[in-house]
PDB file of all heavy atoms in Angstrom:
ATOM      1  N   CYS A   1     -32.284 -46.728  17.543  1.00  0.00           N
ATOM      2  CA  CYS A   1     -32.479 -46.116  18.849  1.00  0.00           C
ATOM      3  C   CYS A   1     -31.278 -46.444  19.733  1.00  0.00           C
ATOM      4  O   CYS A   1     -30.564 -47.427  19.495  1.00  0.00           O
ATOM      5  CB  CYS A   1     -33.779 -46.575  19.493  1.00  0.00           C
ATOM      6  SG  CYS A   1     -33.918 -48.353  19.820  1.00  0.00           S
ATOM      7  N   ALA A   2     -31.063 -45.595  20.735  1.00  0.00           N
ATOM      8  CA  ALA A   2     -29.904 -45.731  21.598  1.00  0.00           C
ATOM      9  C   ALA A   2     -30.265 -45.308  23.009  1.00  0.00           C
ATOM     10  O   ALA A   2     -31.153 -44.473  23.208  1.00  0.00           O
ATOM     11  CB  ALA A   2     -28.751 -44.888  21.072  1.00  0.00           C
ATOM     12  N   ALA A   3     -29.542 -45.867  23.992  1.00  0.00           N
ATOM     13  CA  ALA A   3     -29.796 -45.595  25.403  1.00  0.00           C
ATOM     14  C   ALA A   3     -28.514 -45.158  26.102  1.00  0.00           C
ATOM     15  O   ALA A   3     -27.450 -45.745  25.868  1.00  0.00           O
ATOM     16  CB  ALA A   3     -30.359 -46.843  26.088  1.00  0.00           C
ATOM     17  N   ALA A   4     -28.636 -44.135  26.951  1.00  0.00           N
ATOM     18  CA  ALA A   4     -27.497 -43.612  27.709  1.00  0.00           C
ATOM     19  C   ALA A   4     -27.822 -43.712  29.194  1.00  0.00           C
ATOM     20  O   ALA A   4     -28.836 -43.178  29.643  1.00  0.00           O
ATOM     21  CB  ALA A   4     -27.222 -42.172  27.322  1.00  0.00           C
ATOM     22  N   ALA A   5     -26.939 -44.347  29.961  1.00  0.00           N
ATOM     23  CA  ALA A   5     -27.188 -44.581  31.388  1.00  0.00           C
ATOM     24  C   ALA A   5     -26.400 -43.617  32.263  1.00  0.00           C
ATOM     25  O   ALA A   5     -25.355 -43.111  31.872  1.00  0.00           O
ATOM     26  CB  ALA A   5     -26.814 -46.009  31.744  1.00  0.00           C
ATOM     27  N   GLY A   6     -26.922 -43.398  33.461  1.00  0.00           N
ATOM     28  CA  GLY A   6     -26.140 -42.720  34.490  1.00  0.00           C
ATOM     29  C   GLY A   6     -26.182 -41.215  34.488  1.00  0.00           C
ATOM     30  O   GLY A   6     -25.282 -40.571  34.991  1.00  0.00           O
ATOM     31  N   PHE A   7     -27.249 -40.623  33.933  1.00  0.00           N
ATOM     32  CA  PHE A   7     -27.349 -39.175  33.904  1.00  0.00           C
ATOM     33  C   PHE A   7     -28.637 -38.732  34.581  1.00  0.00           C
ATOM     34  O   PHE A   7     -29.475 -39.534  34.922  1.00  0.00           O
ATOM     35  CB  PHE A   7     -27.286 -38.667  32.457  1.00  0.00           C
ATOM     36  CG  PHE A   7     -26.000 -39.029  31.756  1.00  0.00           C
ATOM     37  CD1 PHE A   7     -25.926 -40.179  30.969  1.00  0.00           C
ATOM     38  CD2 PHE A   7     -24.867 -38.247  31.889  1.00  0.00           C
ATOM     39  CE1 PHE A   7     -24.749 -40.526  30.333  1.00  0.00           C
ATOM     40  CE2 PHE A   7     -23.691 -38.592  31.255  1.00  0.00           C
ATOM     41  CZ  PHE A   7     -23.624 -39.736  30.480  1.00  0.00           C
ATOM     42  N   GLY A   8     -28.784 -37.430  34.767  1.00  0.00           N
ATOM     43  CA  GLY A   8     -29.957 -36.905  35.444  1.00  0.00           C
ATOM     44  C   GLY A   8     -31.219 -37.069  34.639  1.00  0.00           C
ATOM     45  O   GLY A   8     -31.204 -37.423  33.467  1.00  0.00           O
ATOM     46  N   THR A   9     -32.329 -36.767  35.280  1.00  0.00           N
ATOM     47  CA  THR A   9     -33.626 -37.021  34.663  1.00  0.00           C
ATOM     48  C   THR A   9     -33.952 -36.071  33.523  1.00  0.00           C
ATOM     49  O   THR A   9     -34.886 -36.334  32.767  1.00  0.00           O
ATOM     50  CB  THR A   9     -34.741 -36.929  35.707  1.00  0.00           C
ATOM     51  OG1 THR A   9     -34.707 -35.618  36.287  1.00  0.00           O
ATOM     52  CG2 THR A   9     -34.564 -37.968  36.784  1.00  0.00           C
ATOM     53  N   ARG A  10     -33.211 -34.968  33.369  1.00  0.00           N
ATOM     54  CA  ARG A  10     -33.513 -34.006  32.308  1.00  0.00           C
ATOM     55  C   ARG A  10     -32.467 -33.966  31.201  1.00  0.00           C
ATOM     56  O   ARG A  10     -32.578 -33.175  30.277  1.00  0.00           O
ATOM     57  CB  ARG A  10     -33.670 -32.610  32.898  1.00  0.00           C
ATOM     58  CG  ARG A  10     -34.805 -32.500  33.900  1.00  0.00           C
ATOM     59  CD  ARG A  10     -35.051 -31.073  34.312  1.00  0.00           C
ATOM     60  NE  ARG A  10     -35.593 -30.283  33.210  1.00  0.00           N
ATOM     61  CZ  ARG A  10     -36.883 -30.209  32.924  1.00  0.00           C
ATOM     62  NH1 ARG A  10     -37.778 -30.873  33.627  1.00  0.00           N
ATOM     63  NH2 ARG A  10     -37.298 -29.457  31.896  1.00  0.00           N
ATOM     64  N   ALA A  11     -31.440 -34.832  31.280  1.00  0.00           N
ATOM     65  CA  ALA A  11     -30.363 -34.805  30.289  1.00  0.00           C
ATOM     66  C   ALA A  11     -30.834 -35.363  28.945  1.00  0.00           C
ATOM     67  O   ALA A  11     -31.506 -36.400  28.892  1.00  0.00           O
ATOM     68  CB  ALA A  11     -29.187 -35.622  30.799  1.00  0.00           C
ATOM     69  N   VAL A  12     -30.466 -34.644  27.876  1.00  0.00           N
ATOM     70  CA  VAL A  12     -30.744 -35.073  26.501  1.00  0.00           C
ATOM     71  C   VAL A  12     -29.430 -34.980  25.731  1.00  0.00           C
ATOM     72  O   VAL A  12     -28.718 -33.985  25.854  1.00  0.00           O
ATOM     73  CB  VAL A  12     -31.806 -34.175  25.836  1.00  0.00           C
ATOM     74  CG1 VAL A  12     -32.068 -34.648  24.397  1.00  0.00           C
ATOM     75  CG2 VAL A  12     -33.091 -34.182  26.632  1.00  0.00           C
ATOM     76  N   PHE A  13     -29.132 -35.980  24.931  1.00  0.00           N
ATOM     77  CA  PHE A  13     -27.854 -36.018  24.237  1.00  0.00           C
ATOM     78  C   PHE A  13     -28.047 -36.057  22.727  1.00  0.00           C
ATOM     79  O   PHE A  13     -28.858 -36.831  22.216  1.00  0.00           O
ATOM     80  CB  PHE A  13     -27.046 -37.231  24.693  1.00  0.00           C
ATOM     81  CG  PHE A  13     -26.837 -37.269  26.166  1.00  0.00           C
ATOM     82  CD1 PHE A  13     -27.558 -38.131  26.959  1.00  0.00           C
ATOM     83  CD2 PHE A  13     -25.946 -36.397  26.765  1.00  0.00           C
ATOM     84  CE1 PHE A  13     -27.390 -38.160  28.332  1.00  0.00           C
ATOM     85  CE2 PHE A  13     -25.767 -36.404  28.130  1.00  0.00           C
ATOM     86  CZ  PHE A  13     -26.492 -37.283  28.918  1.00  0.00           C
ATOM     87  N   THR A  14     -27.260 -35.235  22.023  1.00  0.00           N
ATOM     88  CA  THR A  14     -27.399 -35.108  20.580  1.00  0.00           C
ATOM     89  C   THR A  14     -26.218 -35.697  19.822  1.00  0.00           C
ATOM     90  O   THR A  14     -26.206 -35.655  18.591  1.00  0.00           O
ATOM     91  CB  THR A  14     -27.557 -33.630  20.188  1.00  0.00           C
ATOM     92  OG1 THR A  14     -26.377 -32.912  20.588  1.00  0.00           O
ATOM     93  CG2 THR A  14     -28.770 -33.010  20.876  1.00  0.00           C
ATOM     94  N   THR A  15     -25.232 -36.246  20.535  1.00  0.00           N
ATOM     95  CA  THR A  15     -24.093 -36.898  19.886  1.00  0.00           C
ATOM     96  C   THR A  15     -24.081 -38.362  20.291  1.00  0.00           C
ATOM     97  O   THR A  15     -24.722 -38.767  21.267  1.00  0.00           O
ATOM     98  CB  THR A  15     -22.768 -36.239  20.293  1.00  0.00           C
ATOM     99  OG1 THR A  15     -22.603 -36.366  21.714  1.00  0.00           O
ATOM    100  CG2 THR A  15     -22.754 -34.763  19.914  1.00  0.00           C
ATOM    101  N   THR A  16     -23.329 -39.181  19.566  1.00  0.00           N
ATOM    102  CA  THR A  16     -23.357 -40.624  19.806  1.00  0.00           C
ATOM    103  C   THR A  16     -22.585 -41.043  21.057  1.00  0.00           C
ATOM    104  O   THR A  16     -22.880 -42.079  21.664  1.00  0.00           O
ATOM    105  CB  THR A  16     -22.772 -41.380  18.604  1.00  0.00           C
ATOM    106  OG1 THR A  16     -21.410 -40.951  18.397  1.00  0.00           O
ATOM    107  CG2 THR A  16     -23.577 -41.114  17.354  1.00  0.00           C
ATOM    108  N   ARG A  17     -21.620 -40.224  21.472  1.00  0.00           N
ATOM    109  CA  ARG A  17     -20.689 -40.668  22.514  1.00  0.00           C
ATOM    110  C   ARG A  17     -21.336 -41.087  23.837  1.00  0.00           C
ATOM    111  O   ARG A  17     -20.917 -42.081  24.435  1.00  0.00           O
ATOM    112  CB  ARG A  17     -19.628 -39.599  22.758  1.00  0.00           C
ATOM    113  CG  ARG A  17     -18.563 -40.018  23.721  1.00  0.00           C
ATOM    114  CD  ARG A  17     -17.392 -39.077  23.720  1.00  0.00           C
ATOM    115  NE  ARG A  17     -16.333 -39.539  24.599  1.00  0.00           N
ATOM    116  CZ  ARG A  17     -15.150 -38.945  24.720  1.00  0.00           C
ATOM    117  NH1 ARG A  17     -14.878 -37.862  24.038  1.00  0.00           N
ATOM    118  NH2 ARG A  17     -14.249 -39.435  25.547  1.00  0.00           N
ATOM    119  N   PRO A  18     -22.352 -40.352  24.354  1.00  0.00           N
ATOM    120  CA  PRO A  18     -22.907 -40.758  25.657  1.00  0.00           C
ATOM    121  C   PRO A  18     -23.707 -42.062  25.639  1.00  0.00           C
ATOM    122  O   PRO A  18     -24.012 -42.617  26.690  1.00  0.00           O
ATOM    123  CB  PRO A  18     -23.831 -39.600  26.031  1.00  0.00           C
ATOM    124  CG  PRO A  18     -23.399 -38.475  25.165  1.00  0.00           C
ATOM    125  CD  PRO A  18     -22.932 -39.115  23.905  1.00  0.00           C
ATOM    126  N   TYR A  19     -24.066 -42.521  24.447  1.00  0.00           N
ATOM    127  CA  TYR A  19     -24.960 -43.675  24.354  1.00  0.00           C
ATOM    128  C   TYR A  19     -24.188 -44.990  24.488  1.00  0.00           C
ATOM    129  O   TYR A  19     -23.206 -45.224  23.798  1.00  0.00           O
ATOM    130  CB  TYR A  19     -25.740 -43.630  23.039  1.00  0.00           C
ATOM    131  CG  TYR A  19     -26.726 -42.494  22.996  1.00  0.00           C
ATOM    132  CD1 TYR A  19     -26.399 -41.278  22.405  1.00  0.00           C
ATOM    133  CD2 TYR A  19     -27.993 -42.629  23.579  1.00  0.00           C
ATOM    134  CE1 TYR A  19     -27.305 -40.221  22.401  1.00  0.00           C
ATOM    135  CE2 TYR A  19     -28.903 -41.575  23.564  1.00  0.00           C
ATOM    136  CZ  TYR A  19     -28.544 -40.377  22.972  1.00  0.00           C
ATOM    137  OH  TYR A  19     -29.445 -39.340  22.971  1.00  0.00           O
ATOM    138  N   ASP A  20     -24.700 -45.840  25.381  1.00  0.00           N
ATOM    139  CA  ASP A  20     -24.035 -47.108  25.687  1.00  0.00           C
ATOM    140  C   ASP A  20     -24.592 -48.277  24.888  1.00  0.00           C
ATOM    141  O   ASP A  20     -23.879 -49.245  24.633  1.00  0.00           O
ATOM    142  CB  ASP A  20     -24.198 -47.421  27.183  1.00  0.00           C
ATOM    143  CG  ASP A  20     -23.709 -46.290  28.071  1.00  0.00           C
ATOM    144  OD1 ASP A  20     -22.493 -46.052  28.087  1.00  0.00           O
ATOM    145  OD2 ASP A  20     -24.559 -45.654  28.736  1.00  0.00           O
ATOM    146  N   TYR A  21     -25.863 -48.206  24.560  1.00  0.00           N
ATOM    147  CA  TYR A  21     -26.538 -49.342  23.940  1.00  0.00           C
ATOM    148  C   TYR A  21     -27.261 -48.881  22.683  1.00  0.00           C
ATOM    149  O   TYR A  21     -27.850 -47.790  22.658  1.00  0.00           O
ATOM    150  CB  TYR A  21     -27.530 -49.982  24.920  1.00  0.00           C
ATOM    151  CG  TYR A  21     -26.891 -50.361  26.228  1.00  0.00           C
ATOM    152  CD1 TYR A  21     -27.099 -49.598  27.361  1.00  0.00           C
ATOM    153  CD2 TYR A  21     -26.070 -51.487  26.324  1.00  0.00           C
ATOM    154  CE1 TYR A  21     -26.505 -49.933  28.562  1.00  0.00           C
ATOM    155  CE2 TYR A  21     -25.471 -51.830  27.524  1.00  0.00           C
ATOM    156  CZ  TYR A  21     -25.689 -51.052  28.633  1.00  0.00           C
ATOM    157  OH  TYR A  21     -25.097 -51.378  29.820  1.00  0.00           O
ATOM    158  N   TRP A  22     -27.247 -49.769  21.672  1.00  0.00           N
ATOM    159  CA  TRP A  22     -27.841 -49.452  20.375  1.00  0.00           C
ATOM    160  C   TRP A  22     -28.695 -50.611  19.873  1.00  0.00           C
ATOM    161  O   TRP A  22     -28.359 -51.779  20.095  1.00  0.00           O
ATOM    162  CB  TRP A  22     -26.743 -49.160  19.344  1.00  0.00           C
ATOM    163  CG  TRP A  22     -25.983 -47.917  19.631  1.00  0.00           C
ATOM    164  CD1 TRP A  22     -24.958 -47.773  20.518  1.00  0.00           C
ATOM    165  CD2 TRP A  22     -26.203 -46.628  19.055  1.00  0.00           C
ATOM    166  NE1 TRP A  22     -24.520 -46.468  20.521  1.00  0.00           N
ATOM    167  CE2 TRP A  22     -25.260 -45.744  19.624  1.00  0.00           C
ATOM    168  CE3 TRP A  22     -27.089 -46.130  18.094  1.00  0.00           C
ATOM    169  CZ2 TRP A  22     -25.190 -44.397  19.280  1.00  0.00           C
ATOM    170  CZ3 TRP A  22     -27.009 -44.791  17.744  1.00  0.00           C
ATOM    171  CH2 TRP A  22     -26.070 -43.938  18.336  1.00  0.00           C
ATOM    172  N   GLY A  23     -29.776 -50.279  19.190  1.00  0.00           N
ATOM    173  CA  GLY A  23     -30.566 -51.288  18.523  1.00  0.00           C
ATOM    174  C   GLY A  23     -29.980 -51.583  17.147  1.00  0.00           C
ATOM    175  O   GLY A  23     -29.121 -50.851  16.663  1.00  0.00           O
ATOM    176  N   PRO A  24     -30.443 -52.646  16.500  1.00  0.00           N
ATOM    177  CA  PRO A  24     -29.912 -53.049  15.193  1.00  0.00           C
ATOM    178  C   PRO A  24     -30.344 -52.134  14.061  1.00  0.00           C
ATOM    179  O   PRO A  24     -29.707 -52.122  13.001  1.00  0.00           O
ATOM    180  CB  PRO A  24     -30.459 -54.461  15.003  1.00  0.00           C
ATOM    181  CG  PRO A  24     -31.694 -54.493  15.824  1.00  0.00           C
ATOM    182  CD  PRO A  24     -31.434 -53.615  17.016  1.00  0.00           C
ATOM    183  N   GLY A  25     -31.433 -51.383  14.254  1.00  0.00           N
ATOM    184  CA  GLY A  25     -31.881 -50.447  13.231  1.00  0.00           C
ATOM    185  C   GLY A  25     -33.087 -50.929  12.461  1.00  0.00           C
ATOM    186  O   GLY A  25     -33.347 -52.131  12.349  1.00  0.00           O
ATOM    187  N   ALA A  26     -33.839 -49.971  11.916  1.00  0.00           N
ATOM    188  CA  ALA A  26     -35.008 -50.252  11.082  1.00  0.00           C
ATOM    189  C   ALA A  26     -34.938 -49.383   9.837  1.00  0.00           C
ATOM    190  O   ALA A  26     -34.682 -48.176   9.925  1.00  0.00           O
ATOM    191  CB  ALA A  26     -36.294 -49.955  11.850  1.00  0.00           C
ATOM    192  N   GLN A  27     -35.201 -49.987   8.694  1.00  0.00           N
ATOM    193  CA  GLN A  27     -35.116 -49.256   7.426  1.00  0.00           C
ATOM    194  C   GLN A  27     -36.381 -48.425   7.210  1.00  0.00           C
ATOM    195  O   GLN A  27     -37.501 -48.943   7.333  1.00  0.00           O
ATOM    196  CB  GLN A  27     -34.945 -50.220   6.257  1.00  0.00           C
ATOM    197  CG  GLN A  27     -34.910 -49.554   4.897  1.00  0.00           C
ATOM    198  CD  GLN A  27     -33.654 -48.720   4.679  1.00  0.00           C
ATOM    199  OE1 GLN A  27     -32.546 -49.189   4.945  1.00  0.00           O
ATOM    200  NE2 GLN A  27     -33.825 -47.497   4.176  1.00  0.00           N
ATOM    201  N   VAL A  28     -36.186 -47.171   6.875  1.00  0.00           N
ATOM    202  CA  VAL A  28     -37.268 -46.281   6.467  1.00  0.00           C
ATOM    203  C   VAL A  28     -36.946 -45.790   5.064  1.00  0.00           C
ATOM    204  O   VAL A  28     -35.881 -45.218   4.842  1.00  0.00           O
ATOM    205  CB  VAL A  28     -37.419 -45.096   7.430  1.00  0.00           C
ATOM    206  CG1 VAL A  28     -38.406 -44.071   6.865  1.00  0.00           C
ATOM    207  CG2 VAL A  28     -37.867 -45.577   8.802  1.00  0.00           C
TER     208      VAL A  28
END
């Protein structure tokens, strides 16, 4: 999972660049 800060309430991002923070990941 990833989090992107500083955008409007309806913004959705489909590329990695806007995301500032990342979790370590979970194996599926």
